[in-house]
Structures are given as C-alpha cells and as structure tokens.
C-alpha cells in the first residue's frame, strides 16, 4: 500500500514538472521570450499573442513557502509566446 501511494505521488509530481516552465518561440525569424509581472514592460510585444503558463501558477502555489520560486514563476515566466496576434479577437472580449 505504501509503495502504491509513493508511486502515485511521484507520478503526480512528474506530471506537474512537465506542465510548468514556458519556452521561447521563434516567430517570423525572431525569438520571443516568456514574460511575467516584473519584466512585462521589457519583454512583452504587443504584436505577439501570449498564453498563461498554468504549470508555473501551480508551481507558485505549491512552492509558496520558498518565496523565491513564486517570484520567479509569476514575475519572470508567467506568459509564453504562442504566435502572431492577428487581432481576430478584440481586446477584452470573452470567448
């Protein structure tokens, strides 16, 4: 029973590890990096569409006691580039 429980916890941790951390993306020959709440003004490009990195939010909640991990995840790596923003969805629209 203990072995099965340990195995389940390890599998869960592995799944969370795979879900976190954003990646840079090359769009039209330029590399775009992730950004967060702290470096938003330097890293965010208004012509690029970004999506929330849910894994980093989960890691921030799990590691909230470390203080440093949430600062990194939320401050520097909260959104990742996914493509060119073609303007098909007006800003503020609810899908």
PDB file of N, CA and C in Angstrom:
ATOM      1  N   UNK A   1       0.824  -1.187   0.000  1.00  0.00           N
ATOM      2  CA  UNK A   1       0.000   0.000   0.000  1.00  0.00           C
ATOM      3  C   UNK A   1       0.873   1.257   0.000  1.00  0.00           C
ATOM      4  N   UNK A   2       1.931   1.264   0.814  1.00  0.00           N
ATOM      5  CA  UNK A   2       2.816   2.425   0.857  1.00  0.00           C
ATOM      6  C   UNK A   2       3.530   2.612  -0.475  1.00  0.00           C
ATOM      7  N   UNK A   3       3.902   1.536  -1.113  1.00  0.00           N
ATOM      8  CA  UNK A   3       4.586   1.623  -2.398  1.00  0.00           C
ATOM      9  C   UNK A   3       3.666   2.231  -3.456  1.00  0.00           C
ATOM     10  N   UNK A   4       2.422   1.817  -3.464  1.00  0.00           N
ATOM     11  CA  UNK A   4       1.460   2.360  -4.426  1.00  0.00           C
ATOM     12  C   UNK A   4       1.230   3.847  -4.180  1.00  0.00           C
ATOM     13  N   UNK A   5       1.129   4.245  -2.933  1.00  0.00           N
ATOM     14  CA  UNK A   5       0.938   5.659  -2.601  1.00  0.00           C
ATOM     15  C   UNK A   5       2.145   6.485  -3.030  1.00  0.00           C
ATOM     16  N   UNK A   6       3.330   5.972  -2.758  1.00  0.00           N
ATOM     17  CA  UNK A   6       4.546   6.669  -3.148  1.00  0.00           C
ATOM     18  C   UNK A   6       4.626   6.795  -4.665  1.00  0.00           C
ATOM     19  N   UNK A   7       4.270   5.738  -5.363  1.00  0.00           N
ATOM     20  CA  UNK A   7       4.290   5.758  -6.818  1.00  0.00           C
ATOM     21  C   UNK A   7       3.304   6.799  -7.366  1.00  0.00           C
ATOM     22  N   UNK A   8       2.129   6.886  -6.774  1.00  0.00           N
ATOM     23  CA  UNK A   8       1.130   7.870  -7.203  1.00  0.00           C
ATOM     24  C   UNK A   8       1.646   9.302  -6.986  1.00  0.00           C
ATOM     25  N   UNK A   9       2.288   9.546  -5.851  1.00  0.00           N
ATOM     26  CA  UNK A   9       2.835  10.873  -5.561  1.00  0.00           C
ATOM     27  C   UNK A   9       3.934  11.213  -6.552  1.00  0.00           C
ATOM     28  N   UNK A  10       4.799  10.279  -6.854  1.00  0.00           N
ATOM     29  CA  UNK A  10       5.875  10.516  -7.816  1.00  0.00           C
ATOM     30  C   UNK A  10       5.327  10.798  -9.208  1.00  0.00           C
ATOM     31  N   UNK A  11       4.319  10.070  -9.618  1.00  0.00           N
ATOM     32  CA  UNK A  11       3.700  10.301 -10.925  1.00  0.00           C
ATOM     33  C   UNK A  11       3.064  11.690 -10.966  1.00  0.00           C
ATOM     34  N   UNK A  12       2.381  12.064  -9.897  1.00  0.00           N
ATOM     35  CA  UNK A  12       1.763  13.387  -9.826  1.00  0.00           C
ATOM     36  C   UNK A  12       2.821  14.487  -9.910  1.00  0.00           C
ATOM     37  N   UNK A  13       3.908  14.331  -9.176  1.00  0.00           N
ATOM     38  CA  UNK A  13       4.988  15.329  -9.209  1.00  0.00           C
ATOM     39  C   UNK A  13       5.601  15.424 -10.603  1.00  0.00           C
ATOM     40  N   UNK A  14       5.784  14.290 -11.247  1.00  0.00           N
ATOM     41  CA  UNK A  14       6.341  14.286 -12.593  1.00  0.00           C
ATOM     42  C   UNK A  14       5.407  15.000 -13.570  1.00  0.00           C
ATOM     43  N   UNK A  15       4.104  14.788 -13.429  1.00  0.00           N
ATOM     44  CA  UNK A  15       3.141  15.453 -14.306  1.00  0.00           C
ATOM     45  C   UNK A  15       3.178  16.965 -14.115  1.00  0.00           C
ATOM     46  N   UNK A  16       3.298  17.414 -12.892  1.00  0.00           N
ATOM     47  CA  UNK A  16       3.365  18.853 -12.622  1.00  0.00           C
ATOM     48  C   UNK A  16       4.662  19.433 -13.171  1.00  0.00           C
ATOM     49  N   UNK A  17       5.763  18.692 -13.032  1.00  0.00           N
ATOM     50  CA  UNK A  17       7.041  19.175 -13.548  1.00  0.00           C
ATOM     51  C   UNK A  17       6.980  19.356 -15.059  1.00  0.00           C
ATOM     52  N   UNK A  18       6.297  18.468 -15.747  1.00  0.00           N
ATOM     53  CA  UNK A  18       6.192  18.551 -17.192  1.00  0.00           C
ATOM     54  C   UNK A  18       5.258  19.682 -17.622  1.00  0.00           C
ATOM     55  N   UNK A  19       4.364  20.096 -16.743  1.00  0.00           N
ATOM     56  CA  UNK A  19       3.387  21.120 -17.094  1.00  0.00           C
ATOM     57  C   UNK A  19       3.923  22.529 -16.882  1.00  0.00           C
ATOM     58  N   UNK A  20       4.953  22.687 -16.096  1.00  0.00           N
ATOM     59  CA  UNK A  20       5.469  24.006 -15.788  1.00  0.00           C
ATOM     60  C   UNK A  20       6.527  24.466 -16.764  1.00  0.00           C
ATOM     61  N   UNK A  21       6.932  25.682 -16.615  1.00  0.00           N
ATOM     62  CA  UNK A  21       8.001  26.300 -17.390  1.00  0.00           C
ATOM     63  C   UNK A  21       7.596  26.559 -18.832  1.00  0.00           C
ATOM     64  N   UNK A  22       7.732  27.790 -19.234  1.00  0.00           N
ATOM     65  CA  UNK A  22       7.415  28.174 -20.605  1.00  0.00           C
ATOM     66  C   UNK A  22       8.650  28.115 -21.476  1.00  0.00           C
ATOM     67  N   UNK A  23       8.433  28.165 -22.760  1.00  0.00           N
ATOM     68  CA  UNK A  23       9.527  28.103 -23.716  1.00  0.00           C
ATOM     69  C   UNK A  23       9.547  29.358 -24.574  1.00  0.00           C
ATOM     70  N   UNK A  24      10.735  29.710 -25.019  1.00  0.00           N
ATOM     71  CA  UNK A  24      10.825  30.778 -26.001  1.00  0.00           C
ATOM     72  C   UNK A  24      10.309  30.227 -27.323  1.00  0.00           C
ATOM     73  N   UNK A  25       9.933  31.113 -28.218  1.00  0.00           N
ATOM     74  CA  UNK A  25       9.419  30.678 -29.511  1.00  0.00           C
ATOM     75  C   UNK A  25       9.953  31.591 -30.599  1.00  0.00           C
ATOM     76  N   UNK A  26      10.315  30.997 -31.720  1.00  0.00           N
ATOM     77  CA  UNK A  26      10.777  31.762 -32.868  1.00  0.00           C
ATOM     78  C   UNK A  26       9.577  31.994 -33.781  1.00  0.00           C
ATOM     79  N   UNK A  27       9.259  33.269 -33.991  1.00  0.00           N
ATOM     80  CA  UNK A  27       8.124  33.664 -34.828  1.00  0.00           C
ATOM     81  C   UNK A  27       8.647  34.635 -35.874  1.00  0.00           C
ATOM     82  N   UNK A  28       8.481  34.298 -37.139  1.00  0.00           N
ATOM     83  CA  UNK A  28       8.938  35.133 -38.257  1.00  0.00           C
ATOM     84  C   UNK A  28      10.424  35.459 -38.150  1.00  0.00           C
ATOM     85  N   UNK A  29      11.221  34.511 -37.684  1.00  0.00           N
ATOM     86  CA  UNK A  29      12.668  34.691 -37.616  1.00  0.00           C
ATOM     87  C   UNK A  29      13.181  35.388 -36.376  1.00  0.00           C
ATOM     88  N   UNK A  30      12.285  35.784 -35.476  1.00  0.00           N
ATOM     89  CA  UNK A  30      12.697  36.447 -34.236  1.00  0.00           C
ATOM     90  C   UNK A  30      12.320  35.566 -33.055  1.00  0.00           C
ATOM     91  N   UNK A  31      13.189  35.562 -32.056  1.00  0.00           N
ATOM     92  CA  UNK A  31      12.928  34.756 -30.862  1.00  0.00           C
ATOM     93  C   UNK A  31      12.264  35.623 -29.795  1.00  0.00           C
ATOM     94  N   UNK A  32      11.133  35.121 -29.286  1.00  0.00           N
ATOM     95  CA  UNK A  32      10.393  35.824 -28.243  1.00  0.00           C
ATOM     96  C   UNK A  32      10.454  35.005 -26.963  1.00  0.00           C
ATOM     97  N   UNK A  33      10.687  35.697 -25.859  1.00  0.00           N
ATOM     98  CA  UNK A  33      10.877  35.053 -24.565  1.00  0.00           C
ATOM     99  C   UNK A  33       9.600  35.154 -23.734  1.00  0.00           C
ATOM    100  N   UNK A  34       9.540  34.354 -22.681  1.00  0.00           N
ATOM    101  CA  UNK A  34       8.429  34.445 -21.741  1.00  0.00           C
ATOM    102  C   UNK A  34       8.551  35.747 -20.948  1.00  0.00           C
ATOM    103  N   UNK A  35       7.441  36.177 -20.372  1.00  0.00           N
ATOM    104  CA  UNK A  35       7.486  37.357 -19.515  1.00  0.00           C
ATOM    105  C   UNK A  35       6.541  37.166 -18.346  1.00  0.00           C
ATOM    106  N   UNK A  36       6.736  37.983 -17.325  1.00  0.00           N
ATOM    107  CA  UNK A  36       5.901  37.917 -16.129  1.00  0.00           C
ATOM    108  C   UNK A  36       5.489  39.302 -15.685  1.00  0.00           C
ATOM    109  N   UNK A  37       5.085  39.395 -14.450  1.00  0.00           N
ATOM    110  CA  UNK A  37       4.588  40.661 -13.928  1.00  0.00           C
ATOM    111  C   UNK A  37       5.692  41.690 -13.725  1.00  0.00           C
ATOM    112  N   UNK A  38       6.902  41.237 -13.439  1.00  0.00           N
ATOM    113  CA  UNK A  38       8.013  42.157 -13.175  1.00  0.00           C
ATOM    114  C   UNK A  38       8.632  42.693 -14.457  1.00  0.00           C
ATOM    115  N   UNK A  39       8.828  41.845 -15.459  1.00  0.00           N
ATOM    116  CA  UNK A  39       9.509  42.279 -16.682  1.00  0.00           C
ATOM    117  C   UNK A  39       8.557  42.450 -17.869  1.00  0.00           C
ATOM    118  N   UNK A  40       7.318  42.724 -17.597  1.00  0.00           N
ATOM    119  CA  UNK A  40       6.310  42.869 -18.648  1.00  0.00           C
ATOM    120  C   UNK A  40       6.646  44.001 -19.617  1.00  0.00           C
ATOM    121  N   UNK A  41       7.070  45.116 -19.106  1.00  0.00           N
ATOM    122  CA  UNK A  41       7.337  46.264 -19.976  1.00  0.00           C
ATOM    123  C   UNK A  41       8.547  46.042 -20.879  1.00  0.00           C
ATOM    124  N   UNK A  42       9.506  45.229 -20.467  1.00  0.00           N
ATOM    125  CA  UNK A  42      10.692  44.984 -21.288  1.00  0.00           C
ATOM    126  C   UNK A  42      10.505  43.848 -22.286  1.00  0.00           C
ATOM    127  N   UNK A  43       9.764  42.799 -21.919  1.00  0.00           N
ATOM    128  CA  UNK A  43       9.712  41.583 -22.727  1.00  0.00           C
ATOM    129  C   UNK A  43       8.463  41.443 -23.603  1.00  0.00           C
ATOM    130  N   UNK A  44       7.357  42.048 -23.213  1.00  0.00           N
ATOM    131  CA  UNK A  44       6.103  41.843 -23.925  1.00  0.00           C
ATOM    132  C   UNK A  44       6.092  42.612 -25.250  1.00  0.00           C
ATOM    133  N   UNK A  45       5.648  41.927 -26.308  1.00  0.00           N
ATOM    134  CA  UNK A  45       5.498  42.535 -27.614  1.00  0.00           C
ATOM    135  C   UNK A  45       4.009  42.542 -27.945  1.00  0.00           C
ATOM    136  N   UNK A  46       3.443  43.698 -28.247  1.00  0.00           N
ATOM    137  CA  UNK A  46       2.006  43.817 -28.485  1.00  0.00           C
ATOM    138  C   UNK A  46       1.543  43.119 -29.762  1.00  0.00           C
ATOM    139  N   UNK A  47       2.471  42.795 -30.653  1.00  0.00           N
ATOM    140  CA  UNK A  47       2.111  42.111 -31.894  1.00  0.00           C
ATOM    141  C   UNK A  47       2.119  40.589 -31.756  1.00  0.00           C
ATOM    142  N   UNK A  48       2.501  40.091 -30.599  1.00  0.00           N
ATOM    143  CA  UNK A  48       2.594  38.655 -30.356  1.00  0.00           C
ATOM    144  C   UNK A  48       1.513  38.243 -29.362  1.00  0.00           C
ATOM    145  N   UNK A  49       0.891  37.101 -29.614  1.00  0.00           N
ATOM    146  CA  UNK A  49      -0.122  36.556 -28.710  1.00  0.00           C
ATOM    147  C   UNK A  49       0.573  35.678 -27.676  1.00  0.00           C
ATOM    148  N   UNK A  50       0.228  35.888 -26.424  1.00  0.00           N
ATOM    149  CA  UNK A  50       0.809  35.136 -25.312  1.00  0.00           C
ATOM    150  C   UNK A  50      -0.294  34.367 -24.593  1.00  0.00           C
ATOM    151  N   UNK A  51       0.079  33.248 -23.981  1.00  0.00           N
ATOM    152  CA  UNK A  51      -0.854  32.475 -23.175  1.00  0.00           C
ATOM    153  C   UNK A  51      -0.269  32.255 -21.785  1.00  0.00           C
ATOM    154  N   UNK A  52      -1.156  32.150 -20.814  1.00  0.00           N
ATOM    155  CA  UNK A  52      -0.769  31.907 -19.431  1.00  0.00           C
ATOM    156  C   UNK A  52      -0.142  30.521 -19.302  1.00  0.00           C
ATOM    157  N   UNK A  53       0.926  30.424 -18.538  1.00  0.00           N
ATOM    158  CA  UNK A  53       1.572  29.135 -18.270  1.00  0.00           C
ATOM    159  C   UNK A  53       0.976  28.595 -16.970  1.00  0.00           C
ATOM    160  N   UNK A  54       0.006  27.716 -17.104  1.00  0.00           N
ATOM    161  CA  UNK A  54      -0.724  27.203 -15.942  1.00  0.00           C
ATOM    162  C   UNK A  54       0.206  26.429 -15.012  1.00  0.00           C
ATOM    163  N   UNK A  55       1.141  25.710 -15.557  1.00  0.00           N
ATOM    164  CA  UNK A  55       2.081  24.942 -14.737  1.00  0.00           C
ATOM    165  C   UNK A  55       2.886  25.824 -13.801  1.00  0.00           C
ATOM    166  N   UNK A  56       3.259  27.009 -14.256  1.00  0.00           N
ATOM    167  CA  UNK A  56       4.013  27.919 -13.391  1.00  0.00           C
ATOM    168  C   UNK A  56       3.146  28.480 -12.272  1.00  0.00           C
ATOM    169  N   UNK A  57       1.865  28.674 -12.540  1.00  0.00           N
ATOM    170  CA  UNK A  57       0.956  29.110 -11.485  1.00  0.00           C
ATOM    171  C   UNK A  57       0.825  28.006 -10.435  1.00  0.00           C
ATOM    172  N   UNK A  58       0.697  26.767 -10.897  1.00  0.00           N
ATOM    173  CA  UNK A  58       0.595  25.625  -9.971  1.00  0.00           C
ATOM    174  C   UNK A  58       1.864  25.523  -9.130  1.00  0.00           C
ATOM    175  N   UNK A  59       3.019  25.637  -9.781  1.00  0.00           N
ATOM    176  CA  UNK A  59       4.282  25.572  -9.036  1.00  0.00           C
ATOM    177  C   UNK A  59       4.390  26.709  -8.029  1.00  0.00           C
ATOM    178  N   UNK A  60       3.904  27.882  -8.374  1.00  0.00           N
ATOM    179  CA  UNK A  60       3.945  29.013  -7.443  1.00  0.00           C
ATOM    180  C   UNK A  60       3.117  28.740  -6.200  1.00  0.00           C
ATOM    181  N   UNK A  61       1.971  28.109  -6.394  1.00  0.00           N
ATOM    182  CA  UNK A  61       1.117  27.772  -5.248  1.00  0.00           C
ATOM    183  C   UNK A  61       1.772  26.685  -4.398  1.00  0.00           C
ATOM    184  N   UNK A  62       2.314  25.662  -5.051  1.00  0.00           N
ATOM    185  CA  UNK A  62       2.947  24.556  -4.313  1.00  0.00           C
ATOM    186  C   UNK A  62       4.172  25.042  -3.546  1.00  0.00           C
ATOM    187  N   UNK A  63       4.967  25.899  -4.171  1.00  0.00           N
ATOM    188  CA  UNK A  63       6.232  26.341  -3.569  1.00  0.00           C
ATOM    189  C   UNK A  63       6.137  27.727  -2.936  1.00  0.00           C
ATOM    190  N   UNK A  64       4.942  28.117  -2.511  1.00  0.00           N
ATOM    191  CA  UNK A  64       4.740  29.457  -1.962  1.00  0.00           C
ATOM    192  C   UNK A  64       5.613  29.716  -0.733  1.00  0.00           C
ATOM    193  N   UNK A  65       5.921  28.706   0.023  1.00  0.00           N
ATOM    194  CA  UNK A  65       6.729  28.884   1.234  1.00  0.00           C
ATOM    195  C   UNK A  65       8.186  29.208   0.942  1.00  0.00           C
ATOM    196  N   UNK A  66       8.648  28.909  -0.261  1.00  0.00           N
ATOM    197  CA  UNK A  66      10.043  29.190  -0.589  1.00  0.00           C
ATOM    198  C   UNK A  66      10.274  30.662  -0.933  1.00  0.00           C
ATOM    199  N   UNK A  67       9.240  31.385  -1.231  1.00  0.00           N
ATOM    200  CA  UNK A  67       9.240  32.802  -1.589  1.00  0.00           C
ATOM    201  C   UNK A  67       9.946  33.070  -2.919  1.00  0.00           C
ATOM    202  N   UNK A  68      11.086  32.482  -3.164  1.00  0.00           N
ATOM    203  CA  UNK A  68      11.852  32.739  -4.381  1.00  0.00           C
ATOM    204  C   UNK A  68      11.173  32.122  -5.602  1.00  0.00           C
ATOM    205  N   UNK A  69      10.670  30.907  -5.503  1.00  0.00           N
ATOM    206  CA  UNK A  69      10.040  30.244  -6.648  1.00  0.00           C
ATOM    207  C   UNK A  69       8.833  31.020  -7.179  1.00  0.00           C
ATOM    208  N   UNK A  70       7.906  31.451  -6.324  1.00  0.00           N
ATOM    209  CA  UNK A  70       6.783  32.231  -6.863  1.00  0.00           C
ATOM    210  C   UNK A  70       7.209  33.555  -7.489  1.00  0.00           C
ATOM    211  N   UNK A  71       8.238  34.187  -6.938  1.00  0.00           N
ATOM    212  CA  UNK A  71       8.725  35.430  -7.531  1.00  0.00           C
ATOM    213  C   UNK A  71       9.238  35.168  -8.939  1.00  0.00           C
ATOM    214  N   UNK A  72       9.970  34.077  -9.108  1.00  0.00           N
ATOM    215  CA  UNK A  72      10.467  33.751 -10.449  1.00  0.00           C
ATOM    216  C   UNK A  72       9.317  33.400 -11.391  1.00  0.00           C
ATOM    217  N   UNK A  73       8.474  32.461 -10.983  1.00  0.00           N
ATOM    218  CA  UNK A  73       7.414  31.981 -11.866  1.00  0.00           C
ATOM    219  C   UNK A  73       6.421  33.077 -12.235  1.00  0.00           C
ATOM    220  N   UNK A  74       5.992  33.863 -11.274  1.00  0.00           N
ATOM    221  CA  UNK A  74       5.000  34.902 -11.547  1.00  0.00           C
ATOM    222  C   UNK A  74       5.633  36.185 -12.072  1.00  0.00           C
ATOM    223  N   UNK A  75       6.840  36.458 -11.637  1.00  0.00           N
ATOM    224  CA  UNK A  75       7.485  37.706 -12.022  1.00  0.00           C
ATOM    225  C   UNK A  75       8.187  37.672 -13.358  1.00  0.00           C
ATOM    226  N   UNK A  76       8.719  36.527 -13.758  1.00  0.00           N
ATOM    227  CA  UNK A  76       9.541  36.466 -14.964  1.00  0.00           C
ATOM    228  C   UNK A  76       9.086  35.435 -15.985  1.00  0.00           C
ATOM    229  N   UNK A  77       8.182  34.538 -15.636  1.00  0.00           N
ATOM    230  CA  UNK A  77       7.816  33.470 -16.573  1.00  0.00           C
ATOM    231  C   UNK A  77       6.350  33.080 -16.415  1.00  0.00           C
ATOM    232  N   UNK A  78       5.452  34.024 -16.581  1.00  0.00           N
ATOM    233  CA  UNK A  78       4.026  33.770 -16.404  1.00  0.00           C
ATOM    234  C   UNK A  78       3.309  33.567 -17.733  1.00  0.00           C
ATOM    235  N   UNK A  79       3.784  34.208 -18.785  1.00  0.00           N
ATOM    236  CA  UNK A  79       3.173  34.097 -20.108  1.00  0.00           C
ATOM    237  C   UNK A  79       4.211  33.653 -21.122  1.00  0.00           C
ATOM    238  N   UNK A  80       3.794  32.807 -22.078  1.00  0.00           N
ATOM    239  CA  UNK A  80       4.696  32.365 -23.126  1.00  0.00           C
ATOM    240  C   UNK A  80       4.127  32.723 -24.493  1.00  0.00           C
ATOM    241  N   UNK A  81       5.004  33.037 -25.451  1.00  0.00           N
ATOM    242  CA  UNK A  81       4.541  33.398 -26.788  1.00  0.00           C
ATOM    243  C   UNK A  81       3.982  32.175 -27.510  1.00  0.00           C
ATOM    244  N   UNK A  82       2.892  32.375 -28.254  1.00  0.00           N
ATOM    245  CA  UNK A  82       2.290  31.260 -29.000  1.00  0.00           C
ATOM    246  C   UNK A  82       2.137  31.565 -30.476  1.00  0.00           C
ATOM    247  N   UNK A  83       2.197  32.823 -30.862  1.00  0.00           N
ATOM    248  CA  UNK A  83       2.067  33.155 -32.278  1.00  0.00           C
ATOM    249  C   UNK A  83       1.823  34.637 -32.475  1.00  0.00           C
ATOM    250  N   UNK A  84       1.585  34.985 -33.725  1.00  0.00           N
ATOM    251  CA  UNK A  84       1.329  36.380 -34.077  1.00  0.00           C
ATOM    252  C   UNK A  84      -0.102  36.725 -33.697  1.00  0.00           C
ATOM    253  N   UNK A  85      -0.288  37.894 -33.112  1.00  0.00           N
ATOM    254  CA  UNK A  85      -1.616  38.362 -32.742  1.00  0.00           C
ATOM    255  C   UNK A  85      -2.246  38.987 -33.983  1.00  0.00           C
ATOM    256  N   UNK A  86      -3.201  38.273 -34.567  1.00  0.00           N
ATOM    257  CA  UNK A  86      -3.820  38.747 -35.798  1.00  0.00           C
ATOM    258  C   UNK A  86      -5.003  39.678 -35.544  1.00  0.00           C
ATOM    259  N   UNK A  87      -5.344  39.920 -34.299  1.00  0.00           N
ATOM    260  CA  UNK A  87      -6.424  40.837 -33.978  1.00  0.00           C
ATOM    261  C   UNK A  87      -7.804  40.284 -34.216  1.00  0.00           C
ATOM    262  N   UNK A  88      -7.925  38.967 -34.385  1.00  0.00           N
ATOM    263  CA  UNK A  88      -9.234  38.378 -34.667  1.00  0.00           C
ATOM    264  C   UNK A  88     -10.161  38.437 -33.452  1.00  0.00           C
ATOM    265  N   UNK A  89      -9.602  38.443 -32.263  1.00  0.00           N
ATOM    266  CA  UNK A  89     -10.406  38.559 -31.052  1.00  0.00           C
ATOM    267  C   UNK A  89     -10.152  39.944 -30.465  1.00  0.00           C
ATOM    268  N   UNK A  90     -11.173  40.792 -30.403  1.00  0.00           N
ATOM    269  CA  UNK A  90     -10.965  42.139 -29.849  1.00  0.00           C
ATOM    270  C   UNK A  90     -10.501  42.072 -28.405  1.00  0.00           C
ATOM    271  N   UNK A  91      -9.676  43.011 -28.030  1.00  0.00           N
ATOM    272  CA  UNK A  91      -9.165  43.046 -26.665  1.00  0.00           C
ATOM    273  C   UNK A  91     -10.321  43.222 -25.688  1.00  0.00           C
ATOM    274  N   UNK A  92     -10.324  42.423 -24.631  1.00  0.00           N
ATOM    275  CA  UNK A  92     -11.375  42.472 -23.627  1.00  0.00           C
ATOM    276  C   UNK A  92     -12.571  41.589 -23.942  1.00  0.00           C
ATOM    277  N   UNK A  93     -12.554  40.911 -25.094  1.00  0.00           N
ATOM    278  CA  UNK A  93     -13.673  40.043 -25.461  1.00  0.00           C
ATOM    279  C   UNK A  93     -13.636  38.769 -24.650  1.00  0.00           C
ATOM    280  N   UNK A  94     -14.793  38.236 -24.363  1.00  0.00           N
ATOM    281  CA  UNK A  94     -14.898  36.980 -23.628  1.00  0.00           C
ATOM    282  C   UNK A  94     -15.238  35.882 -24.624  1.00  0.00           C
ATOM    283  N   UNK A  95     -14.400  34.851 -24.647  1.00  0.00           N
ATOM    284  CA  UNK A  95     -14.631  33.733 -25.582  1.00  0.00           C
ATOM    285  C   UNK A  95     -15.618  32.760 -25.031  1.00  0.00           C
TER     286      UNK A  95
END
